[in-house]
């Protein structure tokens, strides 16, 4: 049984290298690093999802969602479907992917309400900074954040207090 698990990673590695070398033979597919790394991120995300389904490990689910969303974004960007070119244009995607990872953790364990706070914060700031990238000044959210950002600390503090007063969860 242990020998079967040891052969999993080398087997997958040989398959990926073989697919890459085979794909180089076709003129319509140029597997340069700029095209390959999103596929590698998506592949590792799928492996983490398999790990989550086998062992019900929440960390694997979180990082699987993050890698899948980042890999999917860069895949769409590298093939010209999404027109982001520079890091100052697409860095909010990382905030959005972290928010989606926390939402996936909440879906896995709906009784853990403390996860909603970082999910909401990452999604709020990711959407807000994405709107700033698109020059969407229709809401005036910059002044709102500038004036009311301490409210975020208050909400986090309330979440910590409420979680401290709740009875401990049994596994």
N, C-alpha and C. Protein backbone atom coordinates (compact mmCIF):
# COMPACT_ATOMS: atom_id res chain seq x y z
N UNK A 1 0.83 -1.20 0.00
CA UNK A 1 0.00 0.00 0.00
C UNK A 1 0.87 1.25 0.00
N UNK A 2 1.95 1.24 0.80
CA UNK A 2 2.82 2.41 0.87
C UNK A 2 3.54 2.61 -0.46
N UNK A 3 3.91 1.51 -1.12
CA UNK A 3 4.59 1.61 -2.41
C UNK A 3 3.68 2.21 -3.45
N UNK A 4 2.38 1.94 -3.39
CA UNK A 4 1.44 2.54 -4.33
C UNK A 4 1.37 4.05 -4.16
N UNK A 5 1.42 4.54 -2.93
CA UNK A 5 1.38 5.97 -2.69
C UNK A 5 2.67 6.64 -3.13
N UNK A 6 3.79 5.95 -3.01
CA UNK A 6 5.06 6.51 -3.43
C UNK A 6 5.12 6.70 -4.94
N UNK A 7 4.43 5.87 -5.67
CA UNK A 7 4.49 5.96 -7.13
C UNK A 7 3.51 6.98 -7.69
N UNK A 8 2.67 7.56 -6.87
CA UNK A 8 1.68 8.51 -7.35
C UNK A 8 2.32 9.78 -7.89
N UNK A 9 3.18 10.43 -7.13
CA UNK A 9 3.80 11.69 -7.55
C UNK A 9 4.70 11.50 -8.77
N UNK A 10 5.63 10.50 -8.79
CA UNK A 10 6.43 10.33 -10.00
C UNK A 10 5.58 9.99 -11.23
N UNK A 11 4.55 9.20 -11.04
CA UNK A 11 3.67 8.87 -12.17
C UNK A 11 2.99 10.09 -12.74
N UNK A 12 2.46 10.93 -11.86
CA UNK A 12 1.81 12.16 -12.32
C UNK A 12 2.83 13.08 -12.98
N UNK A 13 4.02 13.15 -12.43
CA UNK A 13 5.07 14.00 -13.00
C UNK A 13 5.43 13.54 -14.41
N UNK A 14 5.59 12.22 -14.61
CA UNK A 14 5.89 11.71 -15.95
C UNK A 14 4.75 11.98 -16.94
N UNK A 15 3.52 11.86 -16.47
CA UNK A 15 2.37 12.13 -17.34
C UNK A 15 2.36 13.60 -17.75
N UNK A 16 2.58 14.51 -16.81
CA UNK A 16 2.57 15.94 -17.12
C UNK A 16 3.70 16.29 -18.07
N UNK A 17 4.90 15.79 -17.83
CA UNK A 17 6.03 16.06 -18.73
C UNK A 17 5.75 15.47 -20.11
N UNK A 18 5.21 14.28 -20.17
CA UNK A 18 4.88 13.66 -21.45
C UNK A 18 3.82 14.45 -22.21
N UNK A 19 2.80 14.91 -21.52
CA UNK A 19 1.78 15.73 -22.16
C UNK A 19 2.37 17.04 -22.67
N UNK A 20 3.26 17.64 -21.91
CA UNK A 20 3.89 18.89 -22.32
C UNK A 20 4.74 18.67 -23.57
N UNK A 21 5.55 17.61 -23.58
CA UNK A 21 6.39 17.34 -24.74
C UNK A 21 5.54 16.96 -25.96
N UNK A 22 4.46 16.24 -25.74
CA UNK A 22 3.56 15.89 -26.84
C UNK A 22 2.88 17.14 -27.40
N UNK A 23 2.49 18.05 -26.53
CA UNK A 23 1.81 19.27 -26.97
C UNK A 23 2.73 20.19 -27.75
N UNK A 24 4.03 20.09 -27.53
CA UNK A 24 4.98 20.91 -28.29
C UNK A 24 5.01 20.54 -29.76
N UNK A 25 4.57 19.35 -30.10
CA UNK A 25 4.58 18.90 -31.49
C UNK A 25 3.54 19.63 -32.34
N UNK A 26 2.50 20.15 -31.69
CA UNK A 26 1.46 20.84 -32.44
C UNK A 26 1.81 22.30 -32.60
N UNK A 27 1.59 22.85 -33.79
CA UNK A 27 1.94 24.25 -34.06
C UNK A 27 1.00 25.24 -33.40
N UNK A 28 -0.23 24.83 -33.09
CA UNK A 28 -1.18 25.76 -32.50
C UNK A 28 -1.02 25.89 -30.99
N UNK A 29 -0.22 25.07 -30.41
CA UNK A 29 -0.03 25.13 -28.95
C UNK A 29 1.44 25.35 -28.67
N UNK A 30 1.76 26.46 -28.10
CA UNK A 30 3.15 26.77 -27.74
C UNK A 30 3.27 26.74 -26.23
N UNK A 31 3.74 25.67 -25.65
CA UNK A 31 3.77 25.54 -24.20
C UNK A 31 4.94 26.28 -23.56
N UNK A 32 4.95 27.58 -23.69
CA UNK A 32 5.94 28.37 -22.99
C UNK A 32 5.51 28.51 -21.53
N UNK A 33 6.42 28.97 -20.69
CA UNK A 33 6.13 29.11 -19.28
C UNK A 33 4.92 30.01 -19.05
N UNK A 34 4.77 31.06 -19.85
CA UNK A 34 3.65 31.99 -19.68
C UNK A 34 2.31 31.29 -19.89
N UNK A 35 2.31 30.22 -20.66
CA UNK A 35 1.06 29.49 -20.91
C UNK A 35 0.88 28.32 -19.95
N UNK A 36 1.97 27.79 -19.43
CA UNK A 36 1.90 26.56 -18.64
C UNK A 36 1.62 26.78 -17.16
N UNK A 37 2.15 27.85 -16.56
CA UNK A 37 2.05 27.94 -15.10
C UNK A 37 0.61 28.02 -14.59
N UNK A 38 -0.36 28.65 -15.31
CA UNK A 38 -1.74 28.57 -14.79
C UNK A 38 -2.29 27.16 -14.78
N UNK A 39 -1.90 26.36 -15.76
CA UNK A 39 -2.36 24.98 -15.81
C UNK A 39 -1.78 24.19 -14.65
N UNK A 40 -0.54 24.48 -14.29
CA UNK A 40 0.09 23.83 -13.14
C UNK A 40 -0.64 24.21 -11.85
N UNK A 41 -0.99 25.50 -11.72
CA UNK A 41 -1.75 25.93 -10.54
C UNK A 41 -3.10 25.23 -10.45
N UNK A 42 -3.78 25.11 -11.58
CA UNK A 42 -5.08 24.44 -11.61
C UNK A 42 -4.91 22.95 -11.29
N UNK A 43 -3.84 22.34 -11.79
CA UNK A 43 -3.56 20.94 -11.52
C UNK A 43 -3.35 20.71 -10.02
N UNK A 44 -2.55 21.57 -9.38
CA UNK A 44 -2.33 21.44 -7.94
C UNK A 44 -3.63 21.69 -7.16
N UNK A 45 -4.47 22.59 -7.66
CA UNK A 45 -5.76 22.81 -7.01
C UNK A 45 -6.61 21.55 -7.06
N UNK A 46 -6.61 20.87 -8.18
CA UNK A 46 -7.37 19.63 -8.30
C UNK A 46 -6.82 18.58 -7.34
N UNK A 47 -5.49 18.49 -7.23
CA UNK A 47 -4.90 17.55 -6.26
C UNK A 47 -5.32 17.89 -4.83
N UNK A 48 -5.39 19.19 -4.51
CA UNK A 48 -5.83 19.58 -3.17
C UNK A 48 -7.31 19.27 -2.95
N UNK A 49 -8.14 19.38 -3.99
CA UNK A 49 -9.54 19.00 -3.85
C UNK A 49 -9.68 17.50 -3.61
N UNK A 50 -8.84 16.72 -4.28
CA UNK A 50 -8.86 15.27 -4.05
C UNK A 50 -8.44 14.98 -2.61
N UNK A 51 -7.43 15.68 -2.13
CA UNK A 51 -6.99 15.51 -0.73
C UNK A 51 -8.11 15.90 0.24
N UNK A 52 -8.84 16.94 -0.08
CA UNK A 52 -9.96 17.35 0.77
C UNK A 52 -11.04 16.28 0.80
N UNK A 53 -11.35 15.70 -0.34
CA UNK A 53 -12.40 14.69 -0.37
C UNK A 53 -11.97 13.40 0.33
N UNK A 54 -10.68 13.09 0.29
CA UNK A 54 -10.19 11.88 0.95
C UNK A 54 -10.12 12.03 2.46
N UNK A 55 -9.60 13.16 2.93
CA UNK A 55 -9.33 13.30 4.37
C UNK A 55 -10.17 14.37 5.06
N UNK A 56 -11.01 15.07 4.32
CA UNK A 56 -11.82 16.17 4.87
C UNK A 56 -10.95 17.20 5.58
N UNK A 57 -9.86 17.56 4.94
CA UNK A 57 -8.91 18.52 5.50
C UNK A 57 -9.27 19.90 4.98
N UNK A 58 -9.61 20.82 5.88
CA UNK A 58 -10.08 22.13 5.46
C UNK A 58 -8.98 23.00 4.86
N UNK A 59 -7.75 22.81 5.30
CA UNK A 59 -6.65 23.58 4.73
C UNK A 59 -6.44 23.28 3.26
N UNK A 60 -6.63 22.03 2.89
CA UNK A 60 -6.51 21.65 1.48
C UNK A 60 -7.60 22.30 0.64
N UNK A 61 -8.81 22.39 1.19
CA UNK A 61 -9.90 23.03 0.46
C UNK A 61 -9.61 24.51 0.28
N UNK A 62 -9.16 25.18 1.32
CA UNK A 62 -8.87 26.62 1.24
C UNK A 62 -7.85 26.91 0.15
N UNK A 63 -6.71 26.22 0.22
CA UNK A 63 -5.65 26.48 -0.76
C UNK A 63 -6.02 25.97 -2.14
N UNK A 64 -6.86 24.95 -2.22
CA UNK A 64 -7.33 24.49 -3.53
C UNK A 64 -8.18 25.55 -4.22
N UNK A 65 -9.08 26.18 -3.46
CA UNK A 65 -9.91 27.24 -4.04
C UNK A 65 -9.05 28.44 -4.44
N UNK A 66 -8.09 28.80 -3.58
CA UNK A 66 -7.21 29.93 -3.90
C UNK A 66 -6.41 29.64 -5.17
N UNK A 67 -5.79 28.47 -5.25
CA UNK A 67 -5.00 28.13 -6.43
C UNK A 67 -5.87 28.01 -7.69
N UNK A 68 -7.07 27.47 -7.54
CA UNK A 68 -7.96 27.36 -8.69
C UNK A 68 -8.38 28.72 -9.21
N UNK A 69 -8.73 29.63 -8.32
CA UNK A 69 -9.16 30.95 -8.78
C UNK A 69 -8.01 31.75 -9.37
N UNK A 70 -6.83 31.69 -8.75
CA UNK A 70 -5.67 32.41 -9.29
C UNK A 70 -5.23 31.77 -10.60
N UNK A 71 -5.17 30.45 -10.65
CA UNK A 71 -4.79 29.77 -11.89
C UNK A 71 -5.79 30.01 -13.00
N UNK A 72 -7.07 30.00 -12.68
CA UNK A 72 -8.09 30.28 -13.69
C UNK A 72 -7.99 31.71 -14.21
N UNK A 73 -7.73 32.66 -13.31
CA UNK A 73 -7.56 34.05 -13.75
C UNK A 73 -6.37 34.19 -14.68
N UNK A 74 -5.21 33.64 -14.29
CA UNK A 74 -4.03 33.77 -15.13
C UNK A 74 -4.16 32.99 -16.44
N UNK A 75 -4.90 31.89 -16.44
CA UNK A 75 -5.16 31.17 -17.67
C UNK A 75 -5.96 32.06 -18.63
N UNK A 76 -7.01 32.68 -18.13
CA UNK A 76 -7.82 33.57 -18.97
C UNK A 76 -7.04 34.81 -19.40
N UNK A 77 -6.19 35.31 -18.52
CA UNK A 77 -5.38 36.48 -18.86
C UNK A 77 -4.33 36.16 -19.91
N UNK A 78 -3.65 35.04 -19.77
CA UNK A 78 -2.57 34.70 -20.69
C UNK A 78 -3.07 34.40 -22.10
N UNK A 79 -4.30 33.97 -22.22
CA UNK A 79 -4.84 33.68 -23.55
C UNK A 79 -5.72 34.81 -24.07
N UNK A 80 -5.63 35.98 -23.45
CA UNK A 80 -6.26 37.18 -23.97
C UNK A 80 -7.76 37.30 -23.74
N UNK A 81 -8.33 36.48 -22.89
CA UNK A 81 -9.76 36.57 -22.64
C UNK A 81 -10.06 37.69 -21.65
N UNK A 82 -9.19 37.89 -20.68
CA UNK A 82 -9.30 38.99 -19.71
C UNK A 82 -8.14 39.95 -19.97
N UNK A 83 -8.41 41.24 -20.16
CA UNK A 83 -7.34 42.18 -20.56
C UNK A 83 -6.58 42.81 -19.41
N UNK A 84 -6.00 42.03 -18.54
CA UNK A 84 -5.12 42.54 -17.49
C UNK A 84 -3.68 42.28 -17.91
N UNK A 85 -2.83 43.28 -17.80
CA UNK A 85 -1.46 43.08 -18.24
C UNK A 85 -0.44 43.33 -17.14
N UNK A 86 -0.69 44.26 -16.26
CA UNK A 86 0.31 44.67 -15.28
C UNK A 86 -0.16 44.30 -13.88
N UNK A 87 0.80 44.13 -12.98
CA UNK A 87 0.48 43.71 -11.61
C UNK A 87 -0.39 44.72 -10.88
N UNK A 88 -0.25 46.01 -11.19
CA UNK A 88 -1.08 46.99 -10.51
C UNK A 88 -2.53 46.93 -10.98
N UNK A 89 -2.81 46.17 -12.03
CA UNK A 89 -4.18 45.99 -12.49
C UNK A 89 -4.84 44.74 -11.90
N UNK A 90 -4.06 43.69 -11.65
CA UNK A 90 -4.70 42.43 -11.25
C UNK A 90 -4.43 42.01 -9.82
N UNK A 91 -3.74 42.79 -9.02
CA UNK A 91 -3.46 42.33 -7.66
C UNK A 91 -4.72 42.16 -6.81
N UNK A 92 -5.85 42.87 -7.06
CA UNK A 92 -7.05 42.58 -6.26
C UNK A 92 -7.59 41.17 -6.45
N UNK A 93 -7.18 40.48 -7.51
CA UNK A 93 -7.63 39.11 -7.73
C UNK A 93 -7.15 38.21 -6.58
N UNK A 94 -5.98 38.51 -6.04
CA UNK A 94 -5.47 37.71 -4.92
C UNK A 94 -6.36 37.89 -3.68
N UNK A 95 -6.83 39.11 -3.44
CA UNK A 95 -7.76 39.33 -2.32
C UNK A 95 -9.07 38.59 -2.55
N UNK A 96 -9.57 38.65 -3.78
CA UNK A 96 -10.82 37.94 -4.10
C UNK A 96 -10.66 36.43 -3.95
N UNK A 97 -9.51 35.90 -4.36
CA UNK A 97 -9.33 34.46 -4.24
C UNK A 97 -9.22 34.02 -2.78
N UNK A 98 -8.59 34.83 -1.94
CA UNK A 98 -8.54 34.51 -0.51
C UNK A 98 -9.95 34.56 0.09
N UNK A 99 -10.75 35.54 -0.32
CA UNK A 99 -12.13 35.61 0.15
C UNK A 99 -12.93 34.39 -0.28
N UNK A 100 -12.73 33.95 -1.52
CA UNK A 100 -13.44 32.75 -1.98
C UNK A 100 -12.96 31.51 -1.23
N UNK A 101 -11.68 31.47 -0.85
CA UNK A 101 -11.18 30.35 -0.06
C UNK A 101 -11.86 30.28 1.31
N UNK A 102 -12.03 31.44 1.93
CA UNK A 102 -12.72 31.46 3.23
C UNK A 102 -14.20 31.10 3.08
N UNK A 103 -14.83 31.51 1.99
CA UNK A 103 -16.22 31.13 1.75
C UNK A 103 -16.32 29.61 1.60
N UNK A 104 -15.36 28.99 0.92
CA UNK A 104 -15.35 27.53 0.78
C UNK A 104 -15.20 26.85 2.14
N UNK A 105 -14.37 27.43 3.01
CA UNK A 105 -14.24 26.88 4.37
C UNK A 105 -15.56 26.98 5.12
N UNK A 106 -16.27 28.09 4.93
CA UNK A 106 -17.56 28.24 5.60
C UNK A 106 -18.57 27.22 5.06
N UNK A 107 -18.53 26.97 3.76
CA UNK A 107 -19.44 25.99 3.17
C UNK A 107 -19.13 24.60 3.70
N UNK A 108 -17.84 24.31 3.92
CA UNK A 108 -17.45 23.02 4.47
C UNK A 108 -17.92 22.85 5.92
N UNK A 109 -17.87 23.94 6.70
CA UNK A 109 -18.28 23.90 8.10
C UNK A 109 -19.16 25.12 8.39
N UNK A 110 -20.47 25.03 8.12
CA UNK A 110 -21.35 26.19 8.29
C UNK A 110 -21.52 26.66 9.74
N UNK A 111 -21.12 25.86 10.69
CA UNK A 111 -21.25 26.28 12.10
C UNK A 111 -20.17 27.25 12.52
N UNK A 112 -19.11 27.39 11.74
CA UNK A 112 -18.01 28.27 12.08
C UNK A 112 -18.24 29.65 11.47
N UNK A 113 -18.96 30.50 12.19
CA UNK A 113 -19.31 31.83 11.71
C UNK A 113 -18.12 32.78 11.70
N UNK A 114 -17.06 32.46 12.40
CA UNK A 114 -15.89 33.34 12.44
C UNK A 114 -15.20 33.45 11.09
N UNK A 115 -15.42 32.50 10.22
CA UNK A 115 -14.79 32.53 8.90
C UNK A 115 -15.43 33.58 8.01
N UNK A 116 -16.67 33.94 8.29
CA UNK A 116 -17.37 34.94 7.46
C UNK A 116 -16.67 36.30 7.54
N UNK A 117 -16.07 36.64 8.66
CA UNK A 117 -15.44 37.96 8.81
C UNK A 117 -14.26 38.12 7.86
N UNK A 118 -13.24 37.24 7.86
CA UNK A 118 -12.17 37.44 6.88
C UNK A 118 -12.65 37.28 5.44
N UNK A 119 -13.63 36.40 5.21
CA UNK A 119 -14.16 36.24 3.85
C UNK A 119 -14.77 37.55 3.38
N UNK A 120 -15.59 38.16 4.23
CA UNK A 120 -16.21 39.42 3.86
C UNK A 120 -15.21 40.53 3.66
N UNK A 121 -14.20 40.58 4.52
CA UNK A 121 -13.18 41.63 4.37
C UNK A 121 -12.39 41.47 3.07
N UNK A 122 -11.93 40.25 2.80
CA UNK A 122 -11.17 40.04 1.57
C UNK A 122 -12.02 40.30 0.33
N UNK A 123 -13.27 39.85 0.35
CA UNK A 123 -14.14 40.08 -0.81
C UNK A 123 -14.47 41.57 -0.96
N UNK A 124 -14.74 42.24 0.15
CA UNK A 124 -15.06 43.67 0.10
C UNK A 124 -13.89 44.47 -0.49
N UNK A 125 -12.70 44.25 0.05
CA UNK A 125 -11.55 45.00 -0.44
C UNK A 125 -11.15 44.56 -1.86
N UNK A 126 -11.28 43.29 -2.17
CA UNK A 126 -10.99 42.83 -3.53
C UNK A 126 -11.92 43.45 -4.55
N UNK A 127 -13.21 43.48 -4.24
CA UNK A 127 -14.17 44.11 -5.16
C UNK A 127 -13.94 45.61 -5.22
N UNK A 128 -13.68 46.21 -4.07
CA UNK A 128 -13.45 47.66 -4.04
C UNK A 128 -12.23 48.07 -4.85
N UNK A 129 -11.13 47.38 -4.67
CA UNK A 129 -9.93 47.72 -5.42
C UNK A 129 -10.05 47.33 -6.89
N UNK A 130 -10.84 46.30 -7.20
CA UNK A 130 -11.10 45.98 -8.60
C UNK A 130 -11.90 47.10 -9.26
N UNK A 131 -12.87 47.64 -8.55
CA UNK A 131 -13.63 48.78 -9.08
C UNK A 131 -12.73 49.99 -9.26
N UNK A 132 -11.77 50.16 -8.37
CA UNK A 132 -10.82 51.26 -8.51
C UNK A 132 -9.96 51.06 -9.76
N UNK A 133 -9.59 49.82 -10.03
CA UNK A 133 -8.80 49.52 -11.23
C UNK A 133 -9.59 49.86 -12.49
N UNK A 134 -10.91 49.61 -12.46
CA UNK A 134 -11.75 49.93 -13.61
C UNK A 134 -12.20 51.38 -13.61
N UNK A 135 -11.69 52.18 -12.67
CA UNK A 135 -12.03 53.60 -12.55
C UNK A 135 -13.53 53.80 -12.32
N UNK A 136 -14.10 52.98 -11.47
CA UNK A 136 -15.52 53.09 -11.14
C UNK A 136 -15.66 53.94 -9.89
N UNK A 137 -15.76 55.22 -10.07
CA UNK A 137 -15.85 56.15 -8.95
C UNK A 137 -17.29 56.53 -8.64
N UNK A 138 -18.23 55.70 -9.01
CA UNK A 138 -19.63 56.05 -8.86
C UNK A 138 -20.12 55.99 -7.43
N UNK A 139 -19.43 55.30 -6.55
CA UNK A 139 -19.93 55.12 -5.20
C UNK A 139 -19.23 56.04 -4.20
N UNK A 140 -18.04 56.49 -4.49
CA UNK A 140 -17.28 57.29 -3.55
C UNK A 140 -16.74 56.46 -2.41
N UNK A 141 -16.41 55.22 -2.68
CA UNK A 141 -16.00 54.30 -1.63
C UNK A 141 -14.65 54.64 -1.05
N UNK A 142 -13.79 55.40 -1.78
CA UNK A 142 -12.48 55.76 -1.21
C UNK A 142 -12.63 56.62 0.03
N UNK A 143 -13.50 57.62 -0.06
CA UNK A 143 -13.73 58.47 1.11
C UNK A 143 -14.41 57.69 2.22
N UNK A 144 -15.30 56.79 1.85
CA UNK A 144 -15.98 55.97 2.85
C UNK A 144 -14.97 55.11 3.62
N UNK A 145 -14.06 54.45 2.91
CA UNK A 145 -13.05 53.62 3.56
C UNK A 145 -12.11 54.48 4.39
N UNK A 146 -11.74 55.64 3.85
CA UNK A 146 -10.83 56.53 4.57
C UNK A 146 -11.43 56.98 5.89
N UNK A 147 -12.72 57.22 5.92
CA UNK A 147 -13.38 57.71 7.13
C UNK A 147 -13.78 56.60 8.09
N UNK A 148 -14.18 55.44 7.56
CA UNK A 148 -14.81 54.43 8.40
C UNK A 148 -14.01 53.13 8.52
N UNK A 149 -12.73 53.12 8.15
CA UNK A 149 -11.99 51.87 8.26
C UNK A 149 -11.86 51.37 9.68
N UNK A 150 -11.89 52.22 10.72
CA UNK A 150 -11.85 51.66 12.09
C UNK A 150 -13.05 50.78 12.42
N UNK A 151 -14.15 50.93 11.68
CA UNK A 151 -15.31 50.08 11.91
C UNK A 151 -14.97 48.61 11.63
N UNK A 152 -14.04 48.38 10.71
CA UNK A 152 -13.62 47.01 10.41
C UNK A 152 -13.00 46.38 11.65
N UNK A 153 -12.17 47.16 12.35
CA UNK A 153 -11.57 46.65 13.59
C UNK A 153 -12.63 46.36 14.64
N UNK A 154 -13.64 47.21 14.70
CA UNK A 154 -14.72 47.00 15.67
C UNK A 154 -15.48 45.72 15.34
N UNK A 155 -15.76 45.49 14.06
CA UNK A 155 -16.49 44.29 13.66
C UNK A 155 -15.66 43.04 13.95
N UNK A 156 -14.36 43.10 13.70
CA UNK A 156 -13.49 41.96 14.00
C UNK A 156 -13.48 41.71 15.51
N UNK A 157 -13.39 42.77 16.30
CA UNK A 157 -13.41 42.62 17.75
C UNK A 157 -14.71 42.03 18.25
N UNK A 158 -15.84 42.47 17.67
CA UNK A 158 -17.13 41.89 18.06
C UNK A 158 -17.19 40.41 17.69
N UNK A 159 -16.66 40.05 16.53
CA UNK A 159 -16.64 38.64 16.13
C UNK A 159 -15.82 37.79 17.08
N UNK A 160 -14.67 38.32 17.51
CA UNK A 160 -13.83 37.59 18.45
C UNK A 160 -14.53 37.44 19.79
N UNK A 161 -15.18 38.51 20.26
CA UNK A 161 -15.92 38.43 21.53
C UNK A 161 -17.07 37.44 21.48
N UNK A 162 -17.84 37.50 20.40
CA UNK A 162 -18.99 36.59 20.27
C UNK A 162 -18.50 35.15 20.21
N UNK A 163 -17.44 34.92 19.46
CA UNK A 163 -16.91 33.56 19.37
C UNK A 163 -16.38 33.08 20.72
N UNK A 164 -15.85 33.99 21.54
CA UNK A 164 -15.34 33.63 22.86
C UNK A 164 -16.46 33.26 23.83
N UNK A 165 -17.65 33.85 23.64
CA UNK A 165 -18.77 33.55 24.54
C UNK A 165 -19.59 32.35 24.10
N UNK A 166 -19.41 31.89 22.87
CA UNK A 166 -20.14 30.71 22.41
C UNK A 166 -19.58 29.46 23.06
N UNK A 167 -20.42 28.46 23.29
CA UNK A 167 -19.90 27.21 23.85
C UNK A 167 -18.95 26.55 22.86
N UNK A 168 -17.94 25.85 23.36
CA UNK A 168 -16.98 25.19 22.46
C UNK A 168 -17.69 24.12 21.62
N UNK A 169 -17.23 23.99 20.37
CA UNK A 169 -17.81 23.01 19.47
C UNK A 169 -17.16 21.67 19.67
N UNK A 170 -17.99 20.63 19.62
CA UNK A 170 -17.48 19.27 19.73
C UNK A 170 -17.15 18.77 18.34
N UNK A 171 -16.03 18.07 18.23
CA UNK A 171 -15.62 17.55 16.91
C UNK A 171 -16.31 16.26 16.61
